[in-house]
Amino acid sequence: MLYAFSKIVEYVIEPSNLLVLVLAAGALLLAIGRRRSGGWLVGLATAAMVGLIIFPIGQWVIAPLEDRFPPETLPPRIDGIVLLGGAVRMAVSLAHGQPALNEMATRITETLALSRRYPDVPVVISGGDAALISRGTSEAEITRGLLLSLGLDPRRIVLEDRSRNTYENAVDSKAVAKPVPGQVWVLVTSANHMPRAMGCFRAVGWDMVPDPVDYETSGAWFGFFFDHDALTLETAMHEWLGLVAYRLLGRTDALFPAPTSSASSR
């Protein structure tokens, strides 16, 4: 029930959806003669959309997330790799019978590169089906098929195909990987998602070495840059709201998880 509620709320408060709803509410108020209230809402939505077109607001909002866990020099030896789902376009993949990837595809290519750099370690693929109504397969299964076609040894793959969100990624990945104290595991996920992911894994007692990928920021911070990528803002808002919600639910170890001193000394 909580999962379904979170999905509905997430859909409604996405910036693009929210602006459309505000604009529609303003138009409705104008239509029924509430000109003052309707005008304010239409004006607010219009100003927000113009601001999103002119300024790189998405870049500004997502940058602190991406910068929180800078890329580290990975150690010469590790004990395993955990790949978090999110790179597969599930509906398209199932419709055409072949993996279709989105803008987070670097999660998969980075995992493949790591598997070749560390040829003897297990690779945990974590990700179930995040849809409210199950589609009968998991993202982990589709990702597994793709990695096998690219040459990854099937004996190295550990499948975690139940999780639907980041917290469940951490809980269920730990259950199938069975890490022991002192081991070094690398976590692969998008840079903007890394703070929440690291917070979740720490909350279940599994500290990871972060390997952030899929950067969105370009370094353009001032002036008129005409950043049309509204998806960047939506991704950032999803993560910021997720950090707050997860902390309130006790699913992360901090409101805005940060690198530990032990990690920086590796």
C-alpha atoms as a PDB file:
ATOM      1  CA  MET A   1       0.000   0.000   0.000  1.00  0.00           C
ATOM      2  CA  LEU A   2       2.818   2.403   0.913  1.00  0.00           C
ATOM      3  CA  TYR A   3       4.609   1.555  -2.334  1.00  0.00           C
ATOM      4  CA  ALA A   4       1.527   2.270  -4.468  1.00  0.00           C
ATOM      5  CA  PHE A   5       0.887   5.540  -2.605  1.00  0.00           C
ATOM      6  CA  SER A   6       4.493   6.650  -3.113  1.00  0.00           C
ATOM      7  CA  LYS A   7       4.234   5.971  -6.860  1.00  0.00           C
ATOM      8  CA  ILE A   8       1.057   8.039  -7.180  1.00  0.00           C
ATOM      9  CA  VAL A   9       2.495  10.954  -5.195  1.00  0.00           C
ATOM     10  CA  GLU A  10       5.711  10.795  -7.203  1.00  0.00           C
ATOM     11  CA  TYR A  11       3.766  11.003 -10.457  1.00  0.00           C
ATOM     12  CA  VAL A  12       1.684  13.983  -9.324  1.00  0.00           C
ATOM     13  CA  ILE A  13       4.578  16.078  -8.002  1.00  0.00           C
ATOM     14  CA  GLU A  14       6.911  15.584 -10.947  1.00  0.00           C
ATOM     15  CA  PRO A  15       7.669  19.169 -12.067  1.00  0.00           C
ATOM     16  CA  SER A  16       6.215  18.787 -15.572  1.00  0.00           C
ATOM     17  CA  ASN A  17       3.051  17.073 -14.330  1.00  0.00           C
ATOM     18  CA  LEU A  18       2.642  19.529 -11.479  1.00  0.00           C
ATOM     19  CA  LEU A  19       2.958  22.519 -13.809  1.00  0.00           C
ATOM     20  CA  VAL A  20       0.332  21.063 -16.140  1.00  0.00           C
ATOM     21  CA  LEU A  21      -2.026  20.530 -13.195  1.00  0.00           C
ATOM     22  CA  VAL A  22      -1.490  24.093 -11.947  1.00  0.00           C
ATOM     23  CA  LEU A  23      -2.063  25.455 -15.465  1.00  0.00           C
ATOM     24  CA  ALA A  24      -5.224  23.367 -15.853  1.00  0.00           C
ATOM     25  CA  ALA A  25      -6.511  24.525 -12.470  1.00  0.00           C
ATOM     26  CA  GLY A  26      -5.880  28.138 -13.465  1.00  0.00           C
ATOM     27  CA  ALA A  27      -7.690  27.683 -16.766  1.00  0.00           C
ATOM     28  CA  LEU A  28     -10.643  26.080 -14.971  1.00  0.00           C
ATOM     29  CA  LEU A  29     -10.863  28.957 -12.500  1.00  0.00           C
ATOM     30  CA  LEU A  30     -10.802  31.441 -15.380  1.00  0.00           C
ATOM     31  CA  ALA A  31     -13.564  29.510 -17.139  1.00  0.00           C
ATOM     32  CA  ILE A  32     -15.881  29.711 -14.120  1.00  0.00           C
ATOM     33  CA  GLY A  33     -15.236  33.423 -13.613  1.00  0.00           C
ATOM     34  CA  ARG A  34     -12.578  33.289 -10.872  1.00  0.00           C
ATOM     35  CA  ARG A  35     -10.323  35.581 -12.850  1.00  0.00           C
ATOM     36  CA  ARG A  36      -8.041  36.720 -10.057  1.00  0.00           C
ATOM     37  CA  SER A  37      -7.228  33.247  -8.716  1.00  0.00           C
ATOM     38  CA  GLY A  38      -7.113  31.715 -12.194  1.00  0.00           C
ATOM     39  CA  GLY A  39      -4.836  34.445 -13.488  1.00  0.00           C
ATOM     40  CA  TRP A  40      -2.400  33.940 -10.629  1.00  0.00           C
ATOM     41  CA  LEU A  41      -2.170  30.208 -11.270  1.00  0.00           C
ATOM     42  CA  VAL A  42      -1.786  30.591 -15.031  1.00  0.00           C
ATOM     43  CA  GLY A  43       0.839  33.277 -14.522  1.00  0.00           C
ATOM     44  CA  LEU A  44       2.719  31.161 -11.961  1.00  0.00           C
ATOM     45  CA  ALA A  45       2.771  28.107 -14.219  1.00  0.00           C
ATOM     46  CA  THR A  46       3.811  30.177 -17.235  1.00  0.00           C
ATOM     47  CA  ALA A  47       6.642  31.888 -15.345  1.00  0.00           C
ATOM     48  CA  ALA A  48       7.889  28.536 -14.044  1.00  0.00           C
ATOM     49  CA  MET A  49       7.908  27.019 -17.528  1.00  0.00           C
ATOM     50  CA  VAL A  50       9.747  30.011 -18.979  1.00  0.00           C
ATOM     51  CA  GLY A  51      12.290  29.759 -16.160  1.00  0.00           C
ATOM     52  CA  LEU A  52      12.848  26.076 -16.889  1.00  0.00           C
ATOM     53  CA  ILE A  53      13.428  26.851 -20.558  1.00  0.00           C
ATOM     54  CA  ILE A  54      15.856  29.735 -19.988  1.00  0.00           C
ATOM     55  CA  PHE A  55      17.849  28.702 -16.929  1.00  0.00           C
ATOM     56  CA  PRO A  56      19.704  25.417 -16.252  1.00  0.00           C
ATOM     57  CA  ILE A  57      17.663  24.844 -13.095  1.00  0.00           C
ATOM     58  CA  GLY A  58      17.911  21.085 -13.453  1.00  0.00           C
ATOM     59  CA  GLN A  59      21.705  21.359 -13.448  1.00  0.00           C
ATOM     60  CA  TRP A  60      21.670  23.530 -10.334  1.00  0.00           C
ATOM     61  CA  VAL A  61      19.412  21.172  -8.409  1.00  0.00           C
ATOM     62  CA  ILE A  62      21.114  17.922  -9.399  1.00  0.00           C
ATOM     63  CA  ALA A  63      24.727  19.082  -8.994  1.00  0.00           C
ATOM     64  CA  PRO A  64      24.928  18.683  -5.174  1.00  0.00           C
ATOM     65  CA  LEU A  65      23.645  15.123  -5.525  1.00  0.00           C
ATOM     66  CA  GLU A  66      26.193  14.213  -8.179  1.00  0.00           C
ATOM     67  CA  ASP A  67      29.060  15.872  -6.330  1.00  0.00           C
ATOM     68  CA  ARG A  68      28.312  14.192  -2.979  1.00  0.00           C
ATOM     69  CA  PHE A  69      30.248  11.005  -3.764  1.00  0.00           C
ATOM     70  CA  PRO A  70      33.123  11.871  -6.118  1.00  0.00           C
ATOM     71  CA  PRO A  71      34.607   9.013  -8.155  1.00  0.00           C
ATOM     72  CA  GLU A  72      37.175   7.097  -6.123  1.00  0.00           C
ATOM     73  CA  THR A  73      40.286   5.222  -7.162  1.00  0.00           C
ATOM     74  CA  LEU A  74      39.096   1.671  -6.855  1.00  0.00           C
ATOM     75  CA  PRO A  75      41.259  -0.729  -4.851  1.00  0.00           C
ATOM     76  CA  PRO A  76      43.389  -3.375  -6.598  1.00  0.00           C
ATOM     77  CA  ARG A  77      41.259  -6.130  -5.079  1.00  0.00           C
ATOM     78  CA  ILE A  78      37.533  -6.310  -4.398  1.00  0.00           C
ATOM     79  CA  ASP A  79      35.129  -9.055  -3.360  1.00  0.00           C
ATOM     80  CA  GLY A  80      32.122  -8.248  -5.491  1.00  0.00           C
ATOM     81  CA  ILE A  81      30.077  -5.804  -7.568  1.00  0.00           C
ATOM     82  CA  VAL A  82      26.472  -4.714  -7.050  1.00  0.00           C
ATOM     83  CA  LEU A  83      24.624  -3.208 -10.019  1.00  0.00           C
ATOM     84  CA  LEU A  84      21.399  -1.366  -9.206  1.00  0.00           C
ATOM     85  CA  GLY A  85      18.565  -1.492 -11.714  1.00  0.00           C
ATOM     86  CA  GLY A  86      17.092   1.509 -13.459  1.00  0.00           C
ATOM     87  CA  ALA A  87      18.744   1.337 -16.883  1.00  0.00           C
ATOM     88  CA  VAL A  88      16.152  -0.853 -18.606  1.00  0.00           C
ATOM     89  CA  ARG A  89      13.027   0.440 -20.357  1.00  0.00           C
ATOM     90  CA  MET A  90      10.859  -2.424 -19.230  1.00  0.00           C
ATOM     91  CA  ALA A  91       7.754  -1.896 -21.372  1.00  0.00           C
ATOM     92  CA  VAL A  92       9.762  -1.410 -24.572  1.00  0.00           C
ATOM     93  CA  SER A  93      12.016  -4.379 -23.785  1.00  0.00           C
ATOM     94  CA  LEU A  94       9.064  -6.695 -23.228  1.00  0.00           C
ATOM     95  CA  ALA A  95       7.188  -5.414 -26.286  1.00  0.00           C
ATOM     96  CA  HIS A  96      10.065  -6.122 -28.669  1.00  0.00           C
ATOM     97  CA  GLY A  97      11.787  -9.053 -26.986  1.00  0.00           C
ATOM     98  CA  GLN A  98      15.159  -7.344 -26.656  1.00  0.00           C
ATOM     99  CA  PRO A  99      16.788  -5.094 -24.037  1.00  0.00           C
ATOM    100  CA  ALA A 100      16.002  -1.397 -24.466  1.00  0.00           C
ATOM    101  CA  LEU A 101      18.086   0.963 -22.357  1.00  0.00           C
ATOM    102  CA  ASN A 102      17.522   4.508 -21.148  1.00  0.00           C
ATOM    103  CA  GLU A 103      19.816   7.384 -20.157  1.00  0.00           C
ATOM    104  CA  MET A 104      21.183   5.312 -17.245  1.00  0.00           C
ATOM    105  CA  ALA A 105      22.744   2.694 -19.512  1.00  0.00           C
ATOM    106  CA  THR A 106      26.241   3.511 -18.250  1.00  0.00           C
ATOM    107  CA  ARG A 107      25.362   1.554 -15.103  1.00  0.00           C
ATOM    108  CA  ILE A 108      25.476  -1.580 -17.243  1.00  0.00           C
ATOM    109  CA  THR A 109      28.539  -0.724 -19.327  1.00  0.00           C
ATOM    110  CA  GLU A 110      30.468   0.245 -16.193  1.00  0.00           C
ATOM    111  CA  THR A 111      29.537  -3.027 -14.526  1.00  0.00           C
ATOM    112  CA  LEU A 112      30.764  -4.945 -17.567  1.00  0.00           C
ATOM    113  CA  ALA A 113      34.044  -2.999 -17.493  1.00  0.00           C
ATOM    114  CA  LEU A 114      34.461  -3.737 -13.781  1.00  0.00           C
ATOM    115  CA  SER A 115      33.736  -7.424 -14.331  1.00  0.00           C
ATOM    116  CA  ARG A 116      36.645  -7.545 -16.763  1.00  0.00           C
ATOM    117  CA  ARG A 117      38.925  -5.562 -14.476  1.00  0.00           C
ATOM    118  CA  TYR A 118      38.100  -7.915 -11.596  1.00  0.00           C
ATOM    119  CA  PRO A 119      37.549 -11.218 -13.441  1.00  0.00           C
ATOM    120  CA  ASP A 120      36.981 -13.489 -10.432  1.00  0.00           C
ATOM    121  CA  VAL A 121      34.376 -11.628  -8.365  1.00  0.00           C
ATOM    122  CA  PRO A 122      30.593 -12.128  -8.296  1.00  0.00           C
ATOM    123  CA  VAL A 123      28.274  -9.600  -9.926  1.00  0.00           C
ATOM    124  CA  VAL A 124      24.969  -8.965  -8.142  1.00  0.00           C
ATOM    125  CA  ILE A 125      22.276  -7.661 -10.491  1.00  0.00           C
ATOM    126  CA  SER A 126      19.597  -6.019  -8.361  1.00  0.00           C
ATOM    127  CA  GLY A 127      16.163  -5.011  -9.632  1.00  0.00           C
ATOM    128  CA  GLY A 128      12.675  -6.453  -9.764  1.00  0.00           C
ATOM    129  CA  ASP A 129       9.647  -4.995 -11.521  1.00  0.00           C
ATOM    130  CA  ALA A 130       8.764  -1.518 -10.249  1.00  0.00           C
ATOM    131  CA  ALA A 131       5.354  -1.466 -11.950  1.00  0.00           C
ATOM    132  CA  LEU A 132       2.263  -1.441  -9.736  1.00  0.00           C
ATOM    133  CA  ILE A 133       0.967  -4.470 -11.678  1.00  0.00           C
ATOM    134  CA  SER A 134       3.597  -7.174 -12.217  1.00  0.00           C
ATOM    135  CA  ARG A 135       4.603  -7.819 -15.816  1.00  0.00           C
ATOM    136  CA  GLY A 136       5.915 -11.306 -15.146  1.00  0.00           C
ATOM    137  CA  THR A 137       9.626 -10.597 -15.448  1.00  0.00           C
ATOM    138  CA  SER A 138      12.213  -8.464 -13.687  1.00  0.00           C
ATOM    139  CA  GLU A 139      14.720  -5.864 -14.738  1.00  0.00           C
ATOM    140  CA  ALA A 140      17.475  -8.044 -13.294  1.00  0.00           C
ATOM    141  CA  GLU A 141      16.523 -10.880 -15.667  1.00  0.00           C
ATOM    142  CA  ILE A 142      16.636  -8.612 -18.709  1.00  0.00           C
ATOM    143  CA  THR A 143      19.964  -7.123 -17.591  1.00  0.00           C
ATOM    144  CA  ARG A 144      21.338 -10.608 -16.998  1.00  0.00           C
ATOM    145  CA  GLY A 145      20.502 -11.597 -20.559  1.00  0.00           C
ATOM    146  CA  LEU A 146      22.209  -8.494 -21.909  1.00  0.00           C
ATOM    147  CA  LEU A 147      25.386  -9.042 -19.870  1.00  0.00           C
ATOM    148  CA  LEU A 148      25.511 -12.692 -20.912  1.00  0.00           C
ATOM    149  CA  SER A 149      25.291 -11.656 -24.571  1.00  0.00           C
ATOM    150  CA  LEU A 150      28.226  -9.319 -23.950  1.00  0.00           C
ATOM    151  CA  GLY A 151      30.367 -12.115 -22.600  1.00  0.00           C
ATOM    152  CA  LEU A 152      29.904 -12.150 -18.832  1.00  0.00           C
ATOM    153  CA  ASP A 153      30.337 -15.626 -17.343  1.00  0.00           C
ATOM    154  CA  PRO A 154      26.907 -16.798 -16.085  1.00  0.00           C
ATOM    155  CA  ARG A 155      28.570 -18.502 -13.098  1.00  0.00           C
ATOM    156  CA  ARG A 156      29.545 -15.087 -11.753  1.00  0.00           C
ATOM    157  CA  ILE A 157      26.034 -13.611 -11.800  1.00  0.00           C
ATOM    158  CA  VAL A 158      23.966 -13.432  -8.624  1.00  0.00           C
ATOM    159  CA  LEU A 159      20.393 -12.446  -9.423  1.00  0.00           C
ATOM    160  CA  GLU A 160      18.287 -10.301  -7.084  1.00  0.00           C
ATOM    161  CA  ASP A 161      14.955  -9.950  -8.846  1.00  0.00           C
ATOM    162  CA  ARG A 162      12.512  -8.948  -6.105  1.00  0.00           C
ATOM    163  CA  SER A 163      13.361  -5.362  -5.159  1.00  0.00           C
ATOM    164  CA  ARG A 164      11.159  -2.488  -6.336  1.00  0.00           C
ATOM    165  CA  ASN A 165      12.984   0.473  -4.789  1.00  0.00           C
ATOM    166  CA  THR A 166      16.383   1.480  -3.462  1.00  0.00           C
ATOM    167  CA  TYR A 167      15.816   0.309   0.092  1.00  0.00           C
ATOM    168  CA  GLU A 168      14.707  -3.104  -1.133  1.00  0.00           C
ATOM    169  CA  ASN A 169      17.795  -3.146  -3.403  1.00  0.00           C
ATOM    170  CA  ALA A 170      19.926  -2.933  -0.280  1.00  0.00           C
ATOM    171  CA  VAL A 171      17.979  -5.439   1.812  1.00  0.00           C
ATOM    172  CA  ASP A 172      17.560  -8.061  -0.903  1.00  0.00           C
ATOM    173  CA  SER A 173      21.043  -7.674  -2.396  1.00  0.00           C
ATOM    174  CA  LYS A 174      22.588  -8.281   1.001  1.00  0.00           C
ATOM    175  CA  ALA A 175      20.421 -11.372   1.445  1.00  0.00           C
ATOM    176  CA  VAL A 176      21.611 -12.969  -1.817  1.00  0.00           C
ATOM    177  CA  ALA A 177      25.244 -11.771  -1.722  1.00  0.00           C
ATOM    178  CA  LYS A 178      25.832 -12.711   1.929  1.00  0.00           C
ATOM    179  CA  PRO A 179      28.807 -10.352   2.408  1.00  0.00           C
ATOM    180  CA  VAL A 180      31.058 -10.883   5.414  1.00  0.00           C
ATOM    181  CA  PRO A 181      32.797  -8.179   7.487  1.00  0.00           C
ATOM    182  CA  GLY A 182      35.994  -6.938   5.930  1.00  0.00           C
ATOM    183  CA  GLN A 183      34.980  -7.599   2.356  1.00  0.00           C
ATOM    184  CA  VAL A 184      35.128  -4.834  -0.249  1.00  0.00           C
ATOM    185  CA  TRP A 185      32.134  -4.507  -2.550  1.00  0.00           C
ATOM    186  CA  VAL A 186      31.634  -1.872  -5.258  1.00  0.00           C
ATOM    187  CA  LEU A 187      28.227  -0.247  -5.778  1.00  0.00           C
ATOM    188  CA  VAL A 188      27.382   0.898  -9.308  1.00  0.00           C
ATOM    189  CA  THR A 189      24.561   3.393  -9.778  1.00  0.00           C
ATOM    190  CA  SER A 190      23.940   6.876 -11.157  1.00  0.00           C
ATOM    191  CA  ALA A 191      25.838   9.716  -9.483  1.00  0.00           C
ATOM    192  CA  ASN A 192      22.632  11.551  -8.513  1.00  0.00           C
ATOM    193  CA  HIS A 193      21.270   8.344  -6.957  1.00  0.00           C
ATOM    194  CA  MET A 194      24.439   7.456  -5.061  1.00  0.00           C
ATOM    195  CA  PRO A 195      23.693   9.415  -1.830  1.00  0.00           C
ATOM    196  CA  ARG A 196      20.370   7.656  -1.298  1.00  0.00           C
ATOM    197  CA  ALA A 197      21.757   4.280  -2.354  1.00  0.00           C
ATOM    198  CA  MET A 198      24.760   4.529  -0.044  1.00  0.00           C
ATOM    199  CA  GLY A 199      22.503   5.623   2.807  1.00  0.00           C
ATOM    200  CA  CYS A 200      20.287   2.566   2.294  1.00  0.00           C
ATOM    201  CA  PHE A 201      23.153   0.088   2.118  1.00  0.00           C
ATOM    202  CA  ARG A 202      24.717   1.574   5.242  1.00  0.00           C
ATOM    203  CA  ALA A 203      21.365   1.380   7.018  1.00  0.00           C
ATOM    204  CA  VAL A 204      21.329  -2.400   6.467  1.00  0.00           C
ATOM    205  CA  GLY A 205      24.928  -2.696   7.681  1.00  0.00           C
ATOM    206  CA  TRP A 206      26.724  -2.950   4.351  1.00  0.00           C
ATOM    207  CA  ASP A 207      29.212  -0.173   3.569  1.00  0.00           C
ATOM    208  CA  MET A 208      30.134  -0.064  -0.104  1.00  0.00           C
ATOM    209  CA  VAL A 209      32.750   1.526  -2.339  1.00  0.00           C
ATOM    210  CA  PRO A 210      30.777   3.943  -4.564  1.00  0.00           C
ATOM    211  CA  ASP A 211      31.290   3.922  -8.313  1.00  0.00           C
ATOM    212  CA  PRO A 212      29.050   6.753  -9.589  1.00  0.00           C
ATOM    213  CA  VAL A 213      28.151   6.941 -13.287  1.00  0.00           C
ATOM    214  CA  ASP A 214      25.546   8.559 -15.574  1.00  0.00           C
ATOM    215  CA  TYR A 215      26.419  12.185 -14.801  1.00  0.00           C
ATOM    216  CA  GLU A 216      23.929  14.853 -15.912  1.00  0.00           C
ATOM    217  CA  THR A 217      25.833  18.035 -15.026  1.00  0.00           C
ATOM    218  CA  SER A 218      27.771  19.939 -17.659  1.00  0.00           C
ATOM    219  CA  GLY A 219      29.404  22.637 -15.524  1.00  0.00           C
ATOM    220  CA  ALA A 220      27.244  25.488 -16.860  1.00  0.00           C
ATOM    221  CA  TRP A 221      26.133  27.304 -13.707  1.00  0.00           C
ATOM    222  CA  PHE A 222      25.462  30.966 -14.533  1.00  0.00           C
ATOM    223  CA  GLY A 223      23.619  33.038 -17.101  1.00  0.00           C
ATOM    224  CA  PHE A 224      21.187  31.985 -19.803  1.00  0.00           C
ATOM    225  CA  PHE A 225      22.056  28.490 -20.945  1.00  0.00           C
ATOM    226  CA  PHE A 226      18.704  27.310 -22.293  1.00  0.00           C
ATOM    227  CA  ASP A 227      18.766  23.946 -20.552  1.00  0.00           C
ATOM    228  CA  HIS A 228      15.744  22.242 -22.110  1.00  0.00           C
ATOM    229  CA  ASP A 229      16.244  18.954 -20.270  1.00  0.00           C
ATOM    230  CA  ALA A 230      13.286  18.959 -17.882  1.00  0.00           C
ATOM    231  CA  LEU A 231      14.063  15.316 -17.133  1.00  0.00           C
ATOM    232  CA  THR A 232      17.166  16.445 -15.228  1.00  0.00           C
ATOM    233  CA  LEU A 233      15.025  18.487 -12.850  1.00  0.00           C
ATOM    234  CA  GLU A 234      12.545  15.651 -12.411  1.00  0.00           C
ATOM    235  CA  THR A 235      15.357  13.220 -11.642  1.00  0.00           C
ATOM    236  CA  ALA A 236      16.826  15.628  -9.095  1.00  0.00           C
ATOM    237  CA  MET A 237      13.477  16.276  -7.394  1.00  0.00           C
ATOM    238  CA  HIS A 238      12.854  12.512  -7.232  1.00  0.00           C
ATOM    239  CA  GLU A 239      16.152  12.035  -5.401  1.00  0.00           C
ATOM    240  CA  TRP A 240      15.790  14.994  -3.015  1.00  0.00           C
ATOM    241  CA  LEU A 241      12.267  13.965  -2.046  1.00  0.00           C
ATOM    242  CA  GLY A 242      13.429  10.367  -1.789  1.00  0.00           C
ATOM    243  CA  LEU A 243      16.199  11.364   0.617  1.00  0.00           C
ATOM    244  CA  VAL A 244      13.712  13.136   2.886  1.00  0.00           C
ATOM    245  CA  ALA A 245      11.140  10.340   2.759  1.00  0.00           C
ATOM    246  CA  TYR A 246      13.697   7.583   3.330  1.00  0.00           C
ATOM    247  CA  ARG A 247      15.190   9.393   6.304  1.00  0.00           C
ATOM    248  CA  LEU A 248      11.750   9.863   7.865  1.00  0.00           C
ATOM    249  CA  LEU A 249      11.101   6.131   7.346  1.00  0.00           C
ATOM    250  CA  GLY A 250      14.476   5.179   8.817  1.00  0.00           C
ATOM    251  CA  ARG A 251      15.695   3.668   5.552  1.00  0.00           C
ATOM    252  CA  THR A 252      18.929   5.668   5.344  1.00  0.00           C
ATOM    253  CA  ASP A 253      21.648   6.389   7.886  1.00  0.00           C
ATOM    254  CA  ALA A 254      21.544  10.177   7.325  1.00  0.00           C
ATOM    255  CA  LEU A 255      19.430  12.844   5.657  1.00  0.00           C
ATOM    256  CA  PHE A 256      22.148  13.518   3.080  1.00  0.00           C
ATOM    257  CA  PRO A 257      24.674  10.650   3.255  1.00  0.00           C
ATOM    258  CA  ALA A 258      28.296  11.590   2.623  1.00  0.00           C
ATOM    259  CA  PRO A 259      31.605   9.760   2.140  1.00  0.00           C
ATOM    260  CA  THR A 260      33.081   8.403   5.370  1.00  0.00           C
ATOM    261  CA  SER A 261      36.621   8.978   6.558  1.00  0.00           C
ATOM    262  CA  SER A 262      37.350   5.278   6.118  1.00  0.00           C
ATOM    263  CA  ALA A 263      36.273   5.457   2.488  1.00  0.00           C
ATOM    264  CA  SER A 264      38.500   8.418   1.756  1.00  0.00           C
ATOM    265  CA  SER A 265      41.500   6.620   3.256  1.00  0.00           C
ATOM    266  CA  ARG A 266      41.251   3.497   1.084  1.00  0.00           C
END
